[in-house]
Structures are given as structure tokens and as C-alpha cells.
PDB file of N, CA and C in Angstrom:
ATOM      1  N   PRO A   1       0.814  -1.208   0.000  1.00  0.00           N
ATOM      2  CA  PRO A   1       0.000   0.000   0.000  1.00  0.00           C
ATOM      3  C   PRO A   1       0.854   1.267   0.000  1.00  0.00           C
ATOM      4  N   ALA A   2       0.270   2.330  -0.470  1.00  0.00           N
ATOM      5  CA  ALA A   2       0.938   3.630  -0.410  1.00  0.00           C
ATOM      6  C   ALA A   2       0.853   4.157   1.024  1.00  0.00           C
ATOM      7  N   PRO A   3       1.774   4.997   1.442  1.00  0.00           N
ATOM      8  CA  PRO A   3       1.715   5.553   2.796  1.00  0.00           C
ATOM      9  C   PRO A   3       0.370   6.200   3.086  1.00  0.00           C
ATOM     10  N   GLY A   4      -0.246   5.793   4.192  1.00  0.00           N
ATOM     11  CA  GLY A   4      -1.539   6.311   4.593  1.00  0.00           C
ATOM     12  C   GLY A   4      -2.688   5.390   4.257  1.00  0.00           C
ATOM     13  N   GLU A   5      -2.469   4.409   3.372  1.00  0.00           N
ATOM     14  CA  GLU A   5      -3.485   3.413   3.063  1.00  0.00           C
ATOM     15  C   GLU A   5      -3.388   2.278   4.073  1.00  0.00           C
ATOM     16  N   ARG A   6      -4.491   1.530   4.234  1.00  0.00           N
ATOM     17  CA  ARG A   6      -4.492   0.411   5.177  1.00  0.00           C
ATOM     18  C   ARG A   6      -3.422  -0.607   4.782  1.00  0.00           C
ATOM     19  N   GLY A   7      -2.654  -1.028   5.759  1.00  0.00           N
ATOM     20  CA  GLY A   7      -1.576  -1.987   5.536  1.00  0.00           C
ATOM     21  C   GLY A   7      -0.228  -1.346   5.795  1.00  0.00           C
ATOM     22  N   PRO A   8       0.835  -2.131   5.674  1.00  0.00           N
ATOM     23  CA  PRO A   8       2.178  -1.604   5.950  1.00  0.00           C
ATOM     24  C   PRO A   8       2.858  -1.042   4.699  1.00  0.00           C
ATOM     25  N   ALA A   9       2.932   0.270   4.601  1.00  0.00           N
ATOM     26  CA  ALA A   9       3.722   0.887   3.535  1.00  0.00           C
ATOM     27  C   ALA A   9       5.189   0.699   3.912  1.00  0.00           C
ATOM     28  N   VAL A  10       6.016   0.316   2.952  1.00  0.00           N
ATOM     29  CA  VAL A  10       7.422   0.006   3.229  1.00  0.00           C
ATOM     30  C   VAL A  10       8.320   0.909   2.395  1.00  0.00           C
ATOM     31  N   LEU A  11       9.251   1.584   3.084  1.00  0.00           N
ATOM     32  CA  LEU A  11      10.250   2.410   2.415  1.00  0.00           C
ATOM     33  C   LEU A  11      11.627   1.881   2.781  1.00  0.00           C
ATOM     34  N   LEU A  12      12.451   1.664   1.767  1.00  0.00           N
ATOM     35  CA  LEU A  12      13.815   1.171   1.964  1.00  0.00           C
ATOM     36  C   LEU A  12      14.805   2.271   1.628  1.00  0.00           C
ATOM     37  N   GLY A  13      15.888   2.348   2.377  1.00  0.00           N
ATOM     38  CA  GLY A  13      16.908   3.344   2.098  1.00  0.00           C
ATOM     39  C   GLY A  13      18.247   2.904   2.655  1.00  0.00           C
ATOM     40  N   HIS A  14      19.304   3.437   2.071  1.00  0.00           N
ATOM     41  CA  HIS A  14      20.652   3.082   2.509  1.00  0.00           C
ATOM     42  C   HIS A  14      21.074   3.880   3.735  1.00  0.00           C
ATOM     43  N   VAL A  15      21.873   3.256   4.581  1.00  0.00           N
ATOM     44  CA  VAL A  15      22.442   3.917   5.745  1.00  0.00           C
ATOM     45  C   VAL A  15      23.684   4.721   5.340  1.00  0.00           C
ATOM     46  N   ASN A  16      24.325   4.304   4.252  1.00  0.00           N
ATOM     47  CA  ASN A  16      25.501   5.026   3.764  1.00  0.00           C
ATOM     48  C   ASN A  16      25.341   5.272   2.263  1.00  0.00           C
ATOM     49  N   ALA A  17      26.036   6.281   1.772  1.00  0.00           N
ATOM     50  CA  ALA A  17      25.994   6.631   0.357  1.00  0.00           C
ATOM     51  C   ALA A  17      27.169   5.985  -0.363  1.00  0.00           C
ATOM     52  N   THR A  18      27.079   5.926  -1.675  1.00  0.00           N
ATOM     53  CA  THR A  18      28.150   5.295  -2.456  1.00  0.00           C
ATOM     54  C   THR A  18      29.480   6.024  -2.325  1.00  0.00           C
ATOM     55  N   ASP A  19      29.442   7.323  -1.957  1.00  0.00           N
ATOM     56  CA  ASP A  19      30.689   8.066  -1.780  1.00  0.00           C
ATOM     57  C   ASP A  19      31.265   7.906  -0.370  1.00  0.00           C
ATOM     58  N   GLY A  20      30.609   7.060   0.461  1.00  0.00           N
ATOM     59  CA  GLY A  20      31.075   6.835   1.823  1.00  0.00           C
ATOM     60  C   GLY A  20      30.424   7.740   2.848  1.00  0.00           C
ATOM     61  N   GLY A  21      29.678   8.722   2.395  1.00  0.00           N
ATOM     62  CA  GLY A  21      28.988   9.626   3.315  1.00  0.00           C
ATOM     63  C   GLY A  21      27.701   8.998   3.832  1.00  0.00           C
ATOM     64  N   PRO A  22      26.927   9.772   4.580  1.00  0.00           N
ATOM     65  CA  PRO A  22      25.682   9.239   5.125  1.00  0.00           C
ATOM     66  C   PRO A  22      24.610   9.076   4.048  1.00  0.00           C
ATOM     67  N   GLY A  23      23.861   7.979   4.164  1.00  0.00           N
ATOM     68  CA  GLY A  23      22.752   7.731   3.265  1.00  0.00           C
ATOM     69  C   GLY A  23      21.477   8.341   3.817  1.00  0.00           C
ATOM     70  N   VAL A  24      20.388   8.195   3.067  1.00  0.00           N
ATOM     71  CA  VAL A  24      19.114   8.789   3.437  1.00  0.00           C
ATOM     72  C   VAL A  24      18.606   8.279   4.788  1.00  0.00           C
ATOM     73  N   PHE A  25      18.936   7.056   5.163  1.00  0.00           N
ATOM     74  CA  PHE A  25      18.483   6.496   6.436  1.00  0.00           C
ATOM     75  C   PHE A  25      19.610   6.379   7.462  1.00  0.00           C
ATOM     76  N   ALA A  26      20.629   7.217   7.354  1.00  0.00           N
ATOM     77  CA  ALA A  26      21.756   7.188   8.293  1.00  0.00           C
ATOM     78  C   ALA A  26      21.315   7.420   9.731  1.00  0.00           C
ATOM     79  N   GLY A  27      20.281   8.223   9.933  1.00  0.00           N
ATOM     80  CA  GLY A  27      19.831   8.541  11.281  1.00  0.00           C
ATOM     81  C   GLY A  27      18.667   7.703  11.770  1.00  0.00           C
ATOM     82  N   LEU A  28      18.353   6.622  11.074  1.00  0.00           N
ATOM     83  CA  LEU A  28      17.175   5.822  11.421  1.00  0.00           C
ATOM     84  C   LEU A  28      17.215   5.310  12.857  1.00  0.00           C
ATOM     85  N   ARG A  29      18.388   4.887  13.315  1.00  0.00           N
ATOM     86  CA  ARG A  29      18.506   4.365  14.691  1.00  0.00           C
ATOM     87  C   ARG A  29      18.243   5.425  15.753  1.00  0.00           C
ATOM     88  N   GLY A  30      18.295   6.679  15.365  1.00  0.00           N
ATOM     89  CA  GLY A  30      18.053   7.764  16.311  1.00  0.00           C
ATOM     90  C   GLY A  30      16.577   8.036  16.578  1.00  0.00           C
ATOM     91  N   LEU A  31      15.689   7.423  15.795  1.00  0.00           N
ATOM     92  CA  LEU A  31      14.261   7.616  16.030  1.00  0.00           C
ATOM     93  C   LEU A  31      13.833   6.868  17.286  1.00  0.00           C
ATOM     94  N   VAL A  32      12.952   7.500  18.053  1.00  0.00           N
ATOM     95  CA  VAL A  32      12.463   6.888  19.298  1.00  0.00           C
ATOM     96  C   VAL A  32      10.935   6.893  19.287  1.00  0.00           C
ATOM     97  N   PRO A  33      10.319   6.023  20.101  1.00  0.00           N
ATOM     98  CA  PRO A  33       8.856   5.987  20.148  1.00  0.00           C
ATOM     99  C   PRO A  33       8.271   7.383  20.380  1.00  0.00           C
ATOM    100  N   GLY A  34       7.262   7.688  19.558  1.00  0.00           N
ATOM    101  CA  GLY A  34       6.612   8.987  19.636  1.00  0.00           C
ATOM    102  C   GLY A  34       7.100   9.983  18.599  1.00  0.00           C
ATOM    103  N   ASP A  35       8.310   9.780  18.058  1.00  0.00           N
ATOM    104  CA  ASP A  35       8.799  10.672  17.000  1.00  0.00           C
ATOM    105  C   ASP A  35       7.832  10.627  15.825  1.00  0.00           C
ATOM    106  N   ARG A  36       7.699  11.765  15.162  1.00  0.00           N
ATOM    107  CA  ARG A  36       6.801  11.863  14.011  1.00  0.00           C
ATOM    108  C   ARG A  36       7.586  11.726  12.716  1.00  0.00           C
ATOM    109  N   ILE A  37       6.977  11.029  11.758  1.00  0.00           N
ATOM    110  CA  ILE A  37       7.542  10.869  10.420  1.00  0.00           C
ATOM    111  C   ILE A  37       6.498  11.387   9.441  1.00  0.00           C
ATOM    112  N   GLU A  38       6.891  12.311   8.589  1.00  0.00           N
ATOM    113  CA  GLU A  38       5.983  12.848   7.585  1.00  0.00           C
ATOM    114  C   GLU A  38       6.390  12.328   6.216  1.00  0.00           C
ATOM    115  N   VAL A  39       5.409  11.780   5.499  1.00  0.00           N
ATOM    116  CA  VAL A  39       5.647  11.250   4.163  1.00  0.00           C
ATOM    117  C   VAL A  39       4.745  11.999   3.186  1.00  0.00           C
ATOM    118  N   VAL A  40       5.352  12.674   2.215  1.00  0.00           N
ATOM    119  CA  VAL A  40       4.582  13.373   1.194  1.00  0.00           C
ATOM    120  C   VAL A  40       4.142  12.346   0.154  1.00  0.00           C
ATOM    121  N   ARG A  41       2.840  12.290  -0.056  1.00  0.00           N
ATOM    122  CA  ARG A  41       2.266  11.315  -0.983  1.00  0.00           C
ATOM    123  C   ARG A  41       2.219  11.879  -2.402  1.00  0.00           C
ATOM    124  N   GLU A  42       1.960  10.997  -3.334  1.00  0.00           N
ATOM    125  CA  GLU A  42       1.941  11.361  -4.750  1.00  0.00           C
ATOM    126  C   GLU A  42       0.963  12.492  -5.045  1.00  0.00           C
ATOM    127  N   ASP A  43      -0.160  12.552  -4.303  1.00  0.00           N
ATOM    128  CA  ASP A  43      -1.157  13.592  -4.545  1.00  0.00           C
ATOM    129  C   ASP A  43      -0.810  14.920  -3.868  1.00  0.00           C
ATOM    130  N   GLY A  44       0.343  14.995  -3.206  1.00  0.00           N
ATOM    131  CA  GLY A  44       0.787  16.216  -2.550  1.00  0.00           C
ATOM    132  C   GLY A  44       0.380  16.325  -1.088  1.00  0.00           C
ATOM    133  N   SER A  45      -0.499  15.443  -0.624  1.00  0.00           N
ATOM    134  CA  SER A  45      -0.877  15.450   0.791  1.00  0.00           C
ATOM    135  C   SER A  45       0.232  14.794   1.616  1.00  0.00           C
ATOM    136  N   THR A  46       0.157  14.965   2.924  1.00  0.00           N
ATOM    137  CA  THR A  46       1.180  14.410   3.808  1.00  0.00           C
ATOM    138  C   THR A  46       0.552  13.441   4.785  1.00  0.00           C
ATOM    139  N   ALA A  47       1.125  12.245   4.872  1.00  0.00           N
ATOM    140  CA  ALA A  47       0.718  11.261   5.875  1.00  0.00           C
ATOM    141  C   ALA A  47       1.679  11.392   7.051  1.00  0.00           C
ATOM    142  N   VAL A  48       1.134  11.482   8.260  1.00  0.00           N
ATOM    143  CA  VAL A  48       1.950  11.661   9.461  1.00  0.00           C
ATOM    144  C   VAL A  48       1.868  10.386  10.295  1.00  0.00           C
ATOM    145  N   PHE A  49       3.027   9.842  10.624  1.00  0.00           N
ATOM    146  CA  PHE A  49       3.126   8.603  11.385  1.00  0.00           C
ATOM    147  C   PHE A  49       3.854   8.858  12.696  1.00  0.00           C
ATOM    148  N   ALA A  50       3.582   8.013  13.697  1.00  0.00           N
ATOM    149  CA  ALA A  50       4.303   8.059  14.972  1.00  0.00           C
ATOM    150  C   ALA A  50       5.111   6.774  15.112  1.00  0.00           C
ATOM    151  N   VAL A  51       6.376   6.922  15.450  1.00  0.00           N
ATOM    152  CA  VAL A  51       7.245   5.752  15.654  1.00  0.00           C
ATOM    153  C   VAL A  51       6.749   4.966  16.861  1.00  0.00           C
ATOM    154  N   GLU A  52       6.652   3.650  16.688  1.00  0.00           N
ATOM    155  CA  GLU A  52       6.300   2.765  17.799  1.00  0.00           C
ATOM    156  C   GLU A  52       7.545   2.081  18.365  1.00  0.00           C
ATOM    157  N   ARG A  53       8.433   1.638  17.456  1.00  0.00           N
ATOM    158  CA  ARG A  53       9.646   0.955  17.910  1.00  0.00           C
ATOM    159  C   ARG A  53      10.595   0.753  16.734  1.00  0.00           C
ATOM    160  N   GLY A  54      11.836   0.426  17.056  1.00  0.00           N
ATOM    161  CA  GLY A  54      12.833   0.035  16.068  1.00  0.00           C
ATOM    162  C   GLY A  54      13.426  -1.298  16.486  1.00  0.00           C
ATOM    163  N   GLU A  55      13.714  -2.149  15.503  1.00  0.00           N
ATOM    164  CA  GLU A  55      14.251  -3.486  15.785  1.00  0.00           C
ATOM    165  C   GLU A  55      15.371  -3.820  14.811  1.00  0.00           C
ATOM    166  N   GLN A  56      16.417  -4.482  15.324  1.00  0.00           N
ATOM    167  CA  GLN A  56      17.506  -4.971  14.491  1.00  0.00           C
ATOM    168  C   GLN A  56      17.316  -6.466  14.297  1.00  0.00           C
ATOM    169  N   TYR A  57      17.443  -6.923  13.047  1.00  0.00           N
ATOM    170  CA  TYR A  57      17.258  -8.341  12.723  1.00  0.00           C
ATOM    171  C   TYR A  57      18.413  -8.832  11.870  1.00  0.00           C
ATOM    172  N   ALA A  58      18.902 -10.016  12.162  1.00  0.00           N
ATOM    173  CA  ALA A  58      19.876 -10.659  11.279  1.00  0.00           C
ATOM    174  C   ALA A  58      19.187 -10.924   9.945  1.00  0.00           C
ATOM    175  N   LYS A  59      19.903 -10.717   8.849  1.00  0.00           N
ATOM    176  CA  LYS A  59      19.290 -10.916   7.535  1.00  0.00           C
ATOM    177  C   LYS A  59      18.778 -12.338   7.356  1.00  0.00           C
ATOM    178  N   ASN A  60      19.456 -13.304   7.987  1.00  0.00           N
ATOM    179  CA  ASN A  60      19.007 -14.694   7.842  1.00  0.00           C
ATOM    180  C   ASN A  60      17.875 -15.051   8.809  1.00  0.00           C
ATOM    181  N   ALA A  61      17.399 -14.078   9.601  1.00  0.00           N
ATOM    182  CA  ALA A  61      16.277 -14.289  10.516  1.00  0.00           C
ATOM    183  C   ALA A  61      15.280 -13.133  10.401  1.00  0.00           C
ATOM    184  N   PHE A  62      15.188 -12.553   9.215  1.00  0.00           N
ATOM    185  CA  PHE A  62      14.304 -11.404   8.993  1.00  0.00           C
ATOM    186  C   PHE A  62      12.845 -11.838   9.135  1.00  0.00           C
ATOM    187  N   PRO A  63      12.041 -11.109   9.944  1.00  0.00           N
ATOM    188  CA  PRO A  63      10.647 -11.490  10.181  1.00  0.00           C
ATOM    189  C   PRO A  63       9.711 -10.966   9.081  1.00  0.00           C
ATOM    190  N   THR A  64       9.758 -11.600   7.939  1.00  0.00           N
ATOM    191  CA  THR A  64       9.028 -11.138   6.757  1.00  0.00           C
ATOM    192  C   THR A  64       7.557 -10.860   7.040  1.00  0.00           C
ATOM    193  N   GLN A  65       6.882 -11.756   7.729  1.00  0.00           N
ATOM    194  CA  GLN A  65       5.457 -11.572   7.989  1.00  0.00           C
ATOM    195  C   GLN A  65       5.199 -10.368   8.901  1.00  0.00           C
ATOM    196  N   ASP A  66       6.046 -10.168   9.909  1.00  0.00           N
ATOM    197  CA  ASP A  66       5.878  -9.022  10.815  1.00  0.00           C
ATOM    198  C   ASP A  66       6.070  -7.691  10.077  1.00  0.00           C
ATOM    199  N   VAL A  67       6.975  -7.680   9.131  1.00  0.00           N
ATOM    200  CA  VAL A  67       7.290  -6.436   8.423  1.00  0.00           C
ATOM    201  C   VAL A  67       6.318  -6.173   7.272  1.00  0.00           C
ATOM    202  N   TYR A  68       6.051  -7.204   6.464  1.00  0.00           N
ATOM    203  CA  TYR A  68       5.259  -7.023   5.251  1.00  0.00           C
ATOM    204  C   TYR A  68       3.816  -7.507   5.366  1.00  0.00           C
ATOM    205  N   GLY A  69       3.473  -8.210   6.450  1.00  0.00           N
ATOM    206  CA  GLY A  69       2.138  -8.778   6.590  1.00  0.00           C
ATOM    207  C   GLY A  69       1.059  -7.727   6.789  1.00  0.00           C
ATOM    208  N   ASP A  70      -0.182  -8.120   6.490  1.00  0.00           N
ATOM    209  CA  ASP A  70      -1.328  -7.222   6.625  1.00  0.00           C
ATOM    210  C   ASP A  70      -1.443  -6.664   8.037  1.00  0.00           C
ATOM    211  N   THR A  71      -1.933  -5.436   8.120  1.00  0.00           N
ATOM    212  CA  THR A  71      -2.217  -4.781   9.399  1.00  0.00           C
ATOM    213  C   THR A  71      -3.635  -4.212   9.329  1.00  0.00           C
ATOM    214  N   PRO A  72      -4.309  -4.078  10.466  1.00  0.00           N
ATOM    215  CA  PRO A  72      -5.680  -3.564  10.434  1.00  0.00           C
ATOM    216  C   PRO A  72      -5.772  -2.083  10.061  1.00  0.00           C
ATOM    217  N   GLY A  73      -4.717  -1.335  10.312  1.00  0.00           N
ATOM    218  CA  GLY A  73      -4.712   0.093   9.998  1.00  0.00           C
ATOM    219  C   GLY A  73      -3.531   0.458   9.125  1.00  0.00           C
ATOM    220  N   ALA A  74      -3.396   1.739   8.854  1.00  0.00           N
ATOM    221  CA  ALA A  74      -2.276   2.235   8.053  1.00  0.00           C
ATOM    222  C   ALA A  74      -1.023   2.299   8.923  1.00  0.00           C
ATOM    223  N   GLU A  75       0.029   1.659   8.458  1.00  0.00           N
ATOM    224  CA  GLU A  75       1.305   1.650   9.177  1.00  0.00           C
ATOM    225  C   GLU A  75       2.436   1.933   8.205  1.00  0.00           C
ATOM    226  N   LEU A  76       3.614   2.149   8.758  1.00  0.00           N
ATOM    227  CA  LEU A  76       4.799   2.447   7.966  1.00  0.00           C
ATOM    228  C   LEU A  76       5.956   1.618   8.480  1.00  0.00           C
ATOM    229  N   ARG A  77       6.761   1.120   7.559  1.00  0.00           N
ATOM    230  CA  ARG A  77       8.006   0.421   7.893  1.00  0.00           C
ATOM    231  C   ARG A  77       9.139   1.122   7.150  1.00  0.00           C
ATOM    232  N   LEU A  78      10.164   1.517   7.881  1.00  0.00           N
ATOM    233  CA  LEU A  78      11.379   2.067   7.295  1.00  0.00           C
ATOM    234  C   LEU A  78      12.470   1.036   7.507  1.00  0.00           C
ATOM    235  N   ILE A  79      13.164   0.658   6.434  1.00  0.00           N
ATOM    236  CA  ILE A  79      14.151  -0.422   6.524  1.00  0.00           C
ATOM    237  C   ILE A  79      15.478   0.039   5.946  1.00  0.00           C
ATOM    238  N   THR A  80      16.557  -0.275   6.688  1.00  0.00           N
ATOM    239  CA  THR A  80      17.902  -0.006   6.194  1.00  0.00           C
ATOM    240  C   THR A  80      18.818  -1.152   6.610  1.00  0.00           C
ATOM    241  N   CYS A  81      20.033  -1.113   6.090  1.00  0.00           N
ATOM    242  CA  CYS A  81      21.035  -2.102   6.469  1.00  0.00           C
ATOM    243  C   CYS A  81      21.619  -1.730   7.831  1.00  0.00           C
ATOM    244  N   ASP A  82      22.157  -2.720   8.530  1.00  0.00           N
ATOM    245  CA  ASP A  82      22.698  -2.511   9.875  1.00  0.00           C
ATOM    246  C   ASP A  82      23.685  -3.644  10.155  1.00  0.00           C
ATOM    247  N   GLY A  83      24.411  -3.517  11.234  1.00  0.00           N
ATOM    248  CA  GLY A  83      25.337  -4.584  11.625  1.00  0.00           C
ATOM    249  C   GLY A  83      26.533  -4.697  10.704  1.00  0.00           C
ATOM    250  N   TYR A  84      27.181  -3.567  10.441  1.00  0.00           N
ATOM    251  CA  TYR A  84      28.344  -3.567   9.541  1.00  0.00           C
ATOM    252  C   TYR A  84      29.477  -4.404  10.108  1.00  0.00           C
ATOM    253  N   ASP A  85      30.021  -5.271   9.277  1.00  0.00           N
ATOM    254  CA  ASP A  85      31.151  -6.121   9.655  1.00  0.00           C
ATOM    255  C   ASP A  85      32.384  -5.640   8.893  1.00  0.00           C
ATOM    256  N   PRO A  86      33.315  -4.953   9.564  1.00  0.00           N
ATOM    257  CA  PRO A  86      34.492  -4.423   8.859  1.00  0.00           C
ATOM    258  C   PRO A  86      35.375  -5.513   8.260  1.00  0.00           C
ATOM    259  N   ALA A  87      35.312  -6.714   8.795  1.00  0.00           N
ATOM    260  CA  ALA A  87      36.132  -7.802   8.259  1.00  0.00           C
ATOM    261  C   ALA A  87      35.668  -8.214   6.860  1.00  0.00           C
ATOM    262  N   THR A  88      34.359  -8.140   6.622  1.00  0.00           N
ATOM    263  CA  THR A  88      33.826  -8.547   5.314  1.00  0.00           C
ATOM    264  C   THR A  88      33.416  -7.362   4.457  1.00  0.00           C
ATOM    265  N   GLY A  89      33.211  -6.200   5.095  1.00  0.00           N
ATOM    266  CA  GLY A  89      32.725  -5.039   4.372  1.00  0.00           C
ATOM    267  C   GLY A  89      31.239  -5.112   4.060  1.00  0.00           C
ATOM    268  N   LEU A  90      30.532  -6.011   4.733  1.00  0.00           N
ATOM    269  CA  LEU A  90      29.110  -6.222   4.481  1.00  0.00           C
ATOM    270  C   LEU A  90      28.267  -5.881   5.707  1.00  0.00           C
ATOM    271  N   PHE A  91      27.008  -5.653   5.471  1.00  0.00           N
ATOM    272  CA  PHE A  91      26.039  -5.459   6.547  1.00  0.00           C
ATOM    273  C   PHE A  91      25.324  -6.786   6.770  1.00  0.00           C
ATOM    274  N   ASP A  92      25.400  -7.313   7.983  1.00  0.00           N
ATOM    275  CA  ASP A  92      24.808  -8.609   8.299  1.00  0.00           C
ATOM    276  C   ASP A  92      23.352  -8.520   8.735  1.00  0.00           C
ATOM    277  N   ASP A  93      22.899  -7.325   9.060  1.00  0.00           N
ATOM    278  CA  ASP A  93      21.563  -7.166   9.629  1.00  0.00           C
ATOM    279  C   ASP A  93      20.759  -6.113   8.875  1.00  0.00           C
ATOM    280  N   ASN A  94      19.502  -6.010   9.265  1.00  0.00           N
ATOM    281  CA  ASN A  94      18.622  -4.930   8.834  1.00  0.00           C
ATOM    282  C   ASN A  94      18.073  -4.256  10.080  1.00  0.00           C
ATOM    283  N   TYR A  95      17.769  -2.969   9.963  1.00  0.00           N
ATOM    284  CA  TYR A  95      17.115  -2.236  11.031  1.00  0.00           C
ATOM    285  C   TYR A  95      15.767  -1.784  10.504  1.00  0.00           C
ATOM    286  N   VAL A  96      14.713  -2.048  11.276  1.00  0.00           N
ATOM    287  CA  VAL A  96      13.350  -1.730  10.859  1.00  0.00           C
ATOM    288  C   VAL A  96      12.705  -0.819  11.888  1.00  0.00           C
ATOM    289  N   VAL A  97      12.137   0.290  11.415  1.00  0.00           N
ATOM    290  CA  VAL A  97      11.341   1.169  12.266  1.00  0.00           C
ATOM    291  C   VAL A  97       9.878   0.908  11.946  1.00  0.00           C
ATOM    292  N   TYR A  98       9.091   0.690  12.994  1.00  0.00           N
ATOM    293  CA  TYR A  98       7.650   0.463  12.874  1.00  0.00           C
ATOM    294  C   TYR A  98       6.932   1.731  13.333  1.00  0.00           C
ATOM    295  N   ALA A  99       5.985   2.214  12.515  1.00  0.00           N
ATOM    296  CA  ALA A  99       5.231   3.420  12.861  1.00  0.00           C
ATOM    297  C   ALA A  99       3.768   3.240  12.462  1.00  0.00           C
ATOM    298  N   ARG A 100       2.888   4.001  13.140  1.00  0.00           N
ATOM    299  CA  ARG A 100       1.453   3.943  12.838  1.00  0.00           C
ATOM    300  C   ARG A 100       0.970   5.317  12.415  1.00  0.00           C
ATOM    301  N   LEU A 101      -0.081   5.343  11.596  1.00  0.00           N
ATOM    302  CA  LEU A 101      -0.616   6.585  11.069  1.00  0.00           C
ATOM    303  C   LEU A 101      -1.281   7.417  12.159  1.00  0.00           C
ATOM    304  N   LEU A 102      -0.952   8.697  12.194  1.00  0.00           N
ATOM    305  CA  LEU A 102      -1.619   9.664  13.078  1.00  0.00           C
ATOM    306  C   LEU A 102      -2.642  10.470  12.301  1.00  0.00           C
ATOM    307  N   ALA A 103      -2.236  10.948  11.120  1.00  0.00           N
ATOM    308  CA  ALA A 103      -3.135  11.790  10.320  1.00  0.00           C
ATOM    309  C   ALA A 103      -2.770  11.705   8.856  1.00  0.00           C
TER     310      ALA A 103
END
């Protein structure tokens, strides 16, 4: 669904940029319950969500149903990579922020 429609709208973004700088979701871990997230929709209106929680998951134990499964109301999921391993240069985990629609 699109942000603001019933179900979990999902937005993915990188924690780092290709030039080594911060990516669009570099500050995702800094969100705390109650923080507001505003998403501008295609029609120009804005959907406002409140953060409920953030969770880190190993990529091999990602809770697909919890993240992408149906919800009774409009919700938002923000997902980025997490758990950087300098030995491999890879991210072993994902970080997911769960939010619910306010307006």
C-alpha cells in the first residue's frame, strides 16, 4: 500500500551513500517511540506517522510476515542495512522502524 493506506507501507533506504557519506536512512537508529515521520504522498498530501519501535534483525532471521504482513490500519516500515562487519565489508543485519498513522 501507499503511505496512509491500510496496511504496511514500506520504504527502503541506505544507511551510507556510495561516496562513503551518510545515506538517506543514516539517522534511522536515532528515532524513538513517539517521533513523528511525515511522508509526502503522490497527490501532494502528507501522511503523518508516529514511531512505535525500532528493531535490528539478522538478515538470515528477517521477520518477513511481521514487516510485510497485513495490518488492520495504516502503518509504515522504514528499513535499512545494519550490523556492519568491517572484516567482510558487508552489513549482516537490517534495522526496521515500525510506525502507525496519526493523520
